[in-house]
Protein backbone atom coordinates (compact mmCIF):
# COMPACT_ATOMS: atom_id res chain seq x y z
CA MET A 1 0.00 0.00 0.00
CA MET A 2 1.29 3.47 -0.89
CA ARG A 3 2.21 5.51 2.20
CA PRO A 4 0.12 8.69 2.77
CA LEU A 5 2.99 11.16 2.16
CA LEU A 6 4.05 9.38 -1.03
CA LEU A 7 0.43 9.39 -2.17
CA LEU A 8 0.21 13.13 -1.56
CA LEU A 9 3.43 13.72 -3.47
CA PHE A 10 2.18 11.54 -6.33
CA VAL A 11 -1.03 13.54 -6.56
CA ALA A 12 0.90 16.83 -6.38
CA SER A 13 3.26 15.76 -9.13
CA ALA A 14 0.41 14.71 -11.38
CA LEU A 15 -1.69 17.82 -10.87
CA ARG A 16 -1.02 21.50 -10.32
CA ALA A 17 -1.69 21.15 -6.61
CA GLN A 18 -2.21 23.72 -3.91
CA ILE A 19 0.97 23.53 -1.87
CA ALA A 20 2.06 25.00 1.47
CA VAL A 21 5.85 25.01 1.89
CA ARG A 22 7.12 25.76 5.38
CA GLY A 23 10.79 26.44 5.99
CA ASP A 24 12.88 27.12 9.06
CA THR A 25 14.32 29.91 6.90
CA VAL A 26 12.74 31.13 3.66
CA TYR A 27 14.99 33.17 1.39
CA THR A 28 12.51 35.12 -0.71
CA MET A 29 15.24 37.20 -2.49
CA ALA A 30 12.74 40.06 -2.36
CA GLY A 31 13.62 41.17 1.15
CA ALA A 32 15.04 39.86 4.40
CA PRO A 33 14.96 36.09 5.00
CA VAL A 34 11.83 34.92 6.78
CA LYS A 35 12.35 32.79 9.87
CA ASP A 36 9.80 30.00 10.18
CA GLY A 37 8.31 31.10 6.90
CA MET A 38 5.46 29.86 4.74
CA VAL A 39 5.06 29.88 0.96
CA LEU A 40 1.60 29.17 -0.45
CA ILE A 41 1.32 28.07 -4.09
CA ARG A 42 -1.98 27.96 -5.94
CA GLU A 43 -2.66 27.14 -9.60
CA GLY A 44 1.03 27.23 -10.47
CA LYS A 45 1.70 30.67 -8.97
CA ILE A 46 2.94 31.91 -5.62
CA GLU A 47 -0.09 33.04 -3.65
CA ARG A 48 1.40 34.34 -0.41
CA VAL A 49 4.72 34.46 1.46
CA GLY A 50 5.35 35.38 5.08
CA PRO A 51 5.91 34.15 8.63
CA ALA A 52 4.03 30.94 9.37
CA SER A 53 2.38 32.69 12.33
CA GLN A 54 0.76 35.16 9.92
CA VAL A 55 0.03 32.96 6.90
CA ARG A 56 -2.92 30.67 7.47
CA THR A 57 -2.79 27.47 5.46
CA PRO A 58 -6.18 26.78 3.90
CA SER A 59 -7.51 23.24 3.96
CA GLY A 60 -6.61 21.02 1.06
CA TYR A 61 -3.05 22.34 0.62
CA LEU A 62 -0.27 19.77 0.39
CA PRO A 63 2.12 20.46 3.31
CA LEU A 64 5.87 20.31 2.65
CA ARG A 65 8.64 21.13 5.12
CA ALA A 66 12.34 21.96 4.81
CA ARG A 67 15.06 23.67 6.80
CA ILE A 68 15.91 26.05 3.95
CA VAL A 69 13.54 27.21 1.22
CA THR A 70 14.73 29.25 -1.77
CA PRO A 71 13.40 30.29 -5.17
CA GLY A 72 14.09 27.74 -7.87
CA LEU A 73 17.66 28.19 -9.06
CA ILE A 74 18.47 29.73 -12.44
CA ASP A 75 21.46 28.67 -14.53
CA ALA A 76 22.36 31.81 -16.48
CA HIS A 77 24.21 29.93 -19.24
CA THR A 78 24.51 26.25 -20.04
CA VAL A 79 24.23 23.88 -22.97
CA VAL A 80 22.20 21.26 -21.09
CA GLY A 81 19.40 19.92 -23.24
CA LEU A 82 21.55 20.19 -26.35
CA THR A 83 24.62 18.45 -25.01
CA GLY A 84 23.91 14.93 -23.76
CA TYR A 85 25.24 12.82 -20.92
CA LEU A 86 26.47 10.03 -23.20
CA ASN A 87 29.21 12.27 -24.65
CA GLN A 88 28.73 10.72 -28.09
CA PRO A 89 28.32 12.48 -31.46
CA HIS A 90 24.61 11.64 -31.64
CA ASP A 91 23.77 13.57 -28.46
CA GLN A 92 26.05 16.57 -28.93
CA GLU A 93 23.90 19.26 -30.55
CA GLN A 94 25.45 22.38 -29.00
CA ILE A 95 27.87 23.27 -31.82
CA GLU A 96 27.75 23.02 -35.62
CA ARG A 97 31.19 23.44 -37.17
CA SER A 98 30.35 23.44 -40.88
CA ALA A 99 30.52 27.25 -41.02
CA PRO A 100 31.92 29.96 -38.74
CA MET A 101 28.69 32.00 -38.50
CA GLN A 102 25.24 30.43 -38.24
CA PRO A 103 22.95 32.71 -36.19
CA GLU A 104 19.92 31.12 -37.87
CA LEU A 105 20.37 27.90 -35.87
CA ARG A 106 17.59 27.82 -33.27
CA ALA A 107 18.11 26.23 -29.88
CA ILE A 108 14.44 25.30 -29.69
CA ASP A 109 14.92 22.97 -32.68
CA ALA A 110 17.59 20.95 -30.85
CA TYR A 111 16.48 21.06 -27.21
CA ASP A 112 15.62 17.68 -25.65
CA VAL A 113 13.35 17.89 -22.62
CA GLN A 114 14.01 14.19 -21.89
CA GLU A 115 17.81 14.55 -21.71
CA LYS A 116 19.01 13.02 -18.45
CA LEU A 117 21.22 16.01 -17.69
CA VAL A 118 18.11 18.18 -17.48
CA GLU A 119 16.71 15.82 -14.87
CA TRP A 120 20.07 15.72 -13.09
CA VAL A 121 20.40 19.49 -12.56
CA ARG A 122 16.70 19.76 -11.69
CA GLY A 123 17.29 17.41 -8.77
CA PHE A 124 19.56 20.02 -7.16
CA GLY A 125 16.97 22.78 -7.37
CA VAL A 126 17.70 24.20 -10.82
CA THR A 127 14.29 25.07 -12.26
CA THR A 128 15.19 27.45 -15.11
CA ILE A 129 18.06 27.30 -17.59
CA HIS A 130 19.38 29.64 -20.27
CA THR A 131 20.65 27.11 -22.77
CA GLY A 132 21.41 26.69 -26.45
CA HIS A 133 24.26 26.77 -28.91
CA GLY A 134 27.55 26.98 -27.10
CA PRO A 135 31.01 28.47 -27.54
CA GLY A 136 33.30 27.27 -30.30
CA ALA A 137 32.26 29.22 -33.39
CA LEU A 138 32.26 32.90 -34.26
CA ILE A 139 28.45 32.83 -34.17
CA SER A 140 27.18 29.42 -33.12
CA GLY A 141 23.43 30.02 -33.05
CA GLN A 142 20.62 31.10 -30.77
CA THR A 143 19.86 30.40 -27.12
CA MET A 144 16.58 29.82 -25.31
CA ILE A 145 15.25 29.94 -21.75
CA ALA A 146 13.41 26.88 -20.49
CA LYS A 147 11.98 25.28 -17.37
CA THR A 148 13.59 21.98 -16.42
CA ALA A 149 10.32 20.03 -16.16
CA ALA A 150 7.77 19.84 -18.97
CA PRO A 151 6.29 17.15 -21.23
CA ASN A 152 7.57 18.78 -24.41
CA THR A 153 9.77 21.60 -25.68
CA GLU A 154 6.88 23.99 -26.27
CA ARG A 155 5.68 23.67 -22.68
CA ALA A 156 9.21 23.97 -21.32
CA THR A 157 10.06 27.14 -23.20
CA LEU A 158 9.93 30.50 -21.48
CA VAL A 159 11.78 32.45 -24.19
CA PRO A 160 12.25 30.70 -27.56
CA ALA A 161 14.95 33.11 -28.78
CA ALA A 162 16.80 34.63 -25.83
CA MET A 163 20.17 35.66 -27.29
CA VAL A 164 22.47 35.05 -30.24
CA ALA A 165 25.65 33.29 -29.11
CA ALA A 166 29.07 34.38 -30.36
CA THR A 167 32.65 33.57 -29.42
CA LEU A 168 35.82 35.66 -29.67
CA GLY A 169 39.37 34.51 -29.08
CA GLY A 170 41.11 31.21 -29.45
CA LEU A 171 37.92 29.20 -28.97
CA ALA A 172 36.52 30.62 -32.23
CA ARG A 173 39.64 29.99 -34.30
CA ALA A 174 38.88 27.66 -37.22
CA ASP A 175 41.03 24.75 -38.32
CA GLN A 176 44.25 25.58 -40.13
CA GLY A 177 43.63 27.09 -43.54
CA LYS A 178 40.03 28.02 -42.74
CA SER A 179 38.54 31.31 -41.63
CA PRO A 180 38.70 32.91 -39.12
CA GLY A 181 42.31 32.16 -38.35
CA THR A 182 43.16 35.30 -36.40
CA ARG A 183 41.48 37.63 -33.92
CA ALA A 184 41.51 40.52 -36.40
CA LYS A 185 39.71 38.34 -38.93
CA MET A 186 37.08 37.42 -36.33
CA ILE A 187 36.25 41.05 -35.64
CA ALA A 188 36.25 41.92 -39.35
CA MET A 189 33.86 39.05 -40.14
CA LEU A 190 31.59 39.93 -37.23
CA ARG A 191 31.44 43.61 -38.20
CA THR A 192 30.73 42.72 -41.83
CA GLU A 193 27.80 40.50 -40.87
CA LEU A 194 26.36 43.09 -38.49
CA LEU A 195 26.56 45.72 -41.22
CA LYS A 196 24.76 43.39 -43.63
CA ALA A 197 22.06 42.73 -41.05
CA ARG A 198 21.58 46.45 -40.47
CA GLU A 199 21.22 47.08 -44.20
CA TYR A 200 18.91 44.07 -44.63
CA GLY A 201 16.59 45.50 -41.99
CA THR A 202 16.15 48.76 -43.90
CA LYS A 203 15.03 47.01 -47.09
CA LYS A 204 12.28 44.62 -48.09
CA PRO A 205 14.25 41.97 -49.98
CA LYS A 206 12.44 39.63 -52.31
CA ASP A 207 14.36 36.60 -51.07
CA ARG A 208 14.59 35.83 -47.38
CA ASP A 209 17.99 35.44 -45.70
CA LEU A 210 17.60 33.47 -42.47
CA ARG A 211 21.08 34.45 -41.27
CA LEU A 212 20.44 38.17 -41.58
CA GLU A 213 16.92 37.78 -40.23
CA ALA A 214 18.38 36.19 -37.10
CA LEU A 215 20.87 39.04 -36.67
CA GLY A 216 18.25 41.71 -37.35
CA PRO A 217 16.92 41.82 -33.75
CA VAL A 218 20.54 42.03 -32.53
CA VAL A 219 21.43 45.16 -34.52
CA GLU A 220 18.01 46.62 -33.66
CA GLY A 221 18.75 46.22 -29.96
CA LYS A 222 15.86 43.84 -29.42
CA LEU A 223 17.98 40.75 -28.74
CA PRO A 224 21.25 40.54 -26.79
CA LEU A 225 24.48 39.29 -28.35
CA LEU A 226 26.03 36.82 -25.92
CA VAL A 227 29.80 36.88 -26.45
CA THR A 228 31.90 34.14 -24.88
CA VAL A 229 35.24 35.85 -24.39
CA HIS A 230 38.03 35.31 -21.88
CA ARG A 231 41.24 37.24 -22.56
CA ALA A 232 41.41 40.90 -21.60
CA PRO A 233 42.19 42.16 -25.15
CA ASP A 234 39.27 40.15 -26.51
CA ILE A 235 36.95 41.51 -23.83
CA LEU A 236 37.90 45.03 -24.91
CA SER A 237 37.34 44.11 -28.57
CA ALA A 238 33.88 42.82 -27.73
CA ILE A 239 33.07 46.05 -25.91
CA ARG A 240 34.37 48.05 -28.87
CA VAL A 241 32.09 46.22 -31.32
CA GLY A 242 29.18 46.47 -28.92
CA LYS A 243 29.52 50.24 -28.69
CA GLU A 244 30.05 50.66 -32.45
CA PHE A 245 26.74 48.94 -33.23
CA ASN A 246 24.89 50.00 -30.07
CA LEU A 247 24.33 46.36 -29.15
CA ARG A 248 22.79 44.85 -26.04
CA LEU A 249 25.96 42.92 -25.27
CA VAL A 250 26.37 40.28 -22.57
CA LEU A 251 29.92 39.22 -21.73
CA ASP A 252 30.14 35.49 -21.09
CA GLY A 253 32.94 33.65 -19.32
CA ALA A 254 35.30 36.62 -18.96
CA ALA A 255 38.16 34.84 -17.20
CA ASP A 256 40.24 38.04 -17.36
CA ALA A 257 37.39 40.25 -16.13
CA HIS A 258 39.28 41.07 -12.94
CA MET A 259 42.01 42.64 -15.12
CA VAL A 260 39.66 45.07 -16.91
CA LEU A 261 37.03 45.83 -14.28
CA GLU A 262 37.04 49.57 -14.95
CA GLU A 263 36.45 49.09 -18.67
CA ILE A 264 33.60 46.60 -18.09
CA LYS A 265 32.03 48.89 -15.50
CA ALA A 266 32.20 51.86 -17.89
CA SER A 267 30.64 49.83 -20.71
CA GLY A 268 27.53 49.05 -18.69
CA TYR A 269 27.51 45.49 -20.00
CA PRO A 270 26.60 42.64 -17.61
CA VAL A 271 28.69 39.50 -17.18
CA ILE A 272 27.67 35.85 -17.01
CA VAL A 273 30.85 34.90 -15.22
CA HIS A 274 32.68 31.63 -15.84
CA PRO A 275 31.93 28.68 -13.53
CA THR A 276 33.78 29.37 -10.30
CA MET A 277 35.54 26.01 -10.40
CA ALA A 278 36.30 26.02 -14.13
CA ARG A 279 39.72 24.62 -15.03
CA SER A 280 42.32 27.25 -15.82
CA GLY A 281 44.58 26.99 -18.85
CA GLY A 282 44.86 28.37 -22.36
CA GLU A 283 42.19 31.06 -22.82
CA THR A 284 41.29 30.80 -19.14
CA ALA A 285 44.86 30.84 -17.80
CA ASN A 286 44.13 33.94 -15.69
CA LEU A 287 40.90 32.61 -14.24
CA SER A 288 40.21 33.52 -10.62
CA MET A 289 37.82 31.91 -8.16
CA GLU A 290 37.26 35.43 -6.81
CA THR A 291 36.01 36.89 -10.11
CA ALA A 292 32.39 36.96 -8.97
CA ALA A 293 33.31 38.74 -5.73
CA LYS A 294 35.37 41.31 -7.63
CA LEU A 295 32.53 41.98 -10.06
CA ARG A 296 30.19 42.45 -7.11
CA ALA A 297 32.60 44.84 -5.40
CA SER A 298 32.87 46.86 -8.62
CA GLY A 299 29.10 47.13 -9.00
CA ILE A 300 29.01 45.17 -12.26
CA PRO A 301 25.80 43.16 -12.82
CA PHE A 302 26.58 39.45 -13.08
CA ALA A 303 25.16 35.98 -12.73
CA LEU A 304 26.70 32.53 -12.43
CA GLN A 305 26.56 29.65 -14.89
CA SER A 306 27.41 25.99 -15.27
CA GLY A 307 28.80 26.73 -18.73
CA PHE A 308 30.00 24.19 -21.25
CA GLU A 309 31.79 21.08 -20.04
CA SER A 310 33.71 19.26 -22.76
CA TYR A 311 34.01 15.97 -20.90
CA VAL A 312 31.71 13.68 -18.95
CA PRO A 313 29.44 14.20 -17.11
CA LYS A 314 29.02 17.06 -19.63
CA THR A 315 27.67 19.58 -17.15
CA ARG A 316 28.47 21.29 -13.91
CA VAL A 317 25.79 22.15 -11.36
CA VAL A 318 25.33 25.87 -10.84
CA LEU A 319 24.42 25.31 -7.17
CA TRP A 320 27.94 24.07 -6.49
CA GLU A 321 29.50 26.90 -8.50
CA ALA A 322 27.62 29.39 -6.35
CA GLY A 323 28.76 27.56 -3.24
CA ALA A 324 32.38 27.88 -4.35
CA ALA A 325 31.82 31.59 -5.06
CA ALA A 326 30.44 31.95 -1.53
CA ALA A 327 33.69 30.47 -0.24
CA ASN A 328 35.73 32.91 -2.32
CA GLY A 329 34.52 36.36 -1.42
CA LEU A 330 30.75 36.46 -1.95
CA LYS A 331 28.42 36.64 1.02
CA PHE A 332 25.83 33.87 1.26
CA GLU A 333 22.91 35.92 -0.02
CA GLU A 334 25.04 37.46 -2.78
CA ALA A 335 25.94 33.99 -4.01
CA LEU A 336 22.31 32.89 -3.79
CA ALA A 337 21.24 36.01 -5.70
CA SER A 338 23.70 35.14 -8.49
CA VAL A 339 21.65 32.00 -9.22
CA THR A 340 18.21 33.43 -8.48
CA ILE A 341 17.08 37.06 -8.72
CA ASP A 342 20.27 38.51 -10.26
CA ALA A 343 20.27 35.81 -12.94
CA ALA A 344 16.57 36.47 -13.60
CA ARG A 345 17.18 40.20 -14.01
CA LEU A 346 20.13 39.68 -16.34
CA LEU A 347 18.04 37.35 -18.49
CA GLY A 348 15.01 39.64 -18.42
CA ILE A 349 12.69 37.08 -16.79
CA ASP A 350 12.47 38.53 -13.27
CA SER A 351 8.74 39.24 -13.66
CA ARG A 352 8.18 35.48 -13.52
CA VAL A 353 11.05 33.83 -11.64
CA GLY A 354 14.03 34.54 -9.37
CA SER A 355 12.24 35.40 -6.13
CA LEU A 356 9.37 34.19 -3.99
CA GLU A 357 6.70 36.85 -4.46
CA PRO A 358 2.94 36.67 -5.02
CA GLY A 359 2.08 36.29 -8.69
CA LYS A 360 5.39 34.77 -9.75
CA ASP A 361 5.78 31.20 -10.96
CA GLY A 362 5.58 28.58 -8.26
CA ASP A 363 9.24 27.51 -8.57
CA VAL A 364 10.72 26.51 -5.21
CA ALA A 365 13.74 24.53 -4.00
CA LEU A 366 13.85 22.78 -0.61
CA TYR A 367 17.05 21.89 1.28
CA ASP A 368 17.82 20.10 4.53
CA GLY A 369 20.62 22.53 5.38
CA ASP A 370 22.73 25.34 3.98
CA PRO A 371 22.41 24.80 0.19
CA PHE A 372 26.11 25.61 -0.28
CA GLU A 373 27.34 23.07 2.28
CA TYR A 374 28.64 19.79 0.90
CA THR A 375 26.70 17.79 3.49
CA SER A 376 23.34 19.39 2.62
CA HIS A 377 20.83 17.93 0.20
CA CYS A 378 18.07 19.17 -2.04
CA THR A 379 14.99 17.37 -0.71
CA GLY A 380 12.32 18.69 -3.05
CA VAL A 381 11.75 20.77 -6.17
CA ILE A 382 8.56 22.49 -7.28
CA ILE A 383 8.11 23.94 -10.78
CA ASP A 384 4.99 25.85 -11.81
CA GLY A 385 3.26 24.55 -8.72
CA LYS A 386 4.06 20.88 -9.34
CA VAL A 387 6.31 18.69 -7.22
CA VAL A 388 8.79 17.45 -9.83
CA SER A 389 11.48 15.96 -7.59
CA GLU A 390 11.46 14.36 -4.16
CA THR A 391 14.75 12.48 -4.47
CA LYS A 392 17.25 13.51 -1.82
CA ARG A 393 20.36 14.82 -3.58
């Protein structure tokens, strides 16, 4: 016979249940933490948040309890859902190397909601991901924003076209004899394509050009250009191009960011900083585990990411990256913000996710201790008011 609690969880996972989550501490990310707090979720949305002594739980609500309750975590940049856990050619969809620039490639056409890596990161409280075509080509394609639990891609998708992904530096260098072979060539090719897209937008061509159509929203300032760039000179080149074309630029990775903080601050561009524990070497030789803390101290908007992992298990977990950042200069709530409300603001989705406030999506993560402590576990995950994970991880 199914135990009562398991039966309740089964019903909640099958339906958009009414849920009452009580936590010893509730980090709403919209104000001070609430001690002995309560979060009510109704019809997929957060209904009320406050001290348990002031928030009456109506009858019929599924009760859940945890020591720490946070908003569902947001991974500000990953390739999960395109890259697969098997690490074989048939499940590696994050990069297409047949041409250096392919902005017309849509992440939504390659995203796999059933990929086991999506389930894996969800089990640690990651409820929203900014994913898509990854670094490795001058323009690799588009990105999307998705929830980590849904029956199909359409239901998972929050933003079908979030950004256009580009790469500058050694990671974008083509094989010998192909273009681009140098940094100067990369910038020249990028500028040429942006100029074409600008001109294309002022005309009504008879024949459609999917590449220029994809870049149109970028040069019009409607869609950000996400530039994976690590070395200081390349960061400055990206800023230079961004200013020339008045782009909504987002710096990604930025291993040398701590060397050009003043220039990044002056540009006004945000940073999706490299995974805290990323391996240093080559383009990331100057990587620092204190980069996030230095960006915070400089007043530069940033969020954390799991990024692209070239080897198995093919993904990091942004929860752990935030924990490492908290051990290297960020305060606890600053680190938590980098994977909740700050990530939501950077991605432009803070009206729906990133904090526990009435009217926002019912995305909640439950932990049995400090989420950044190695001995703590994620004990439950709720997405859009549904219990989608109860496995202790």
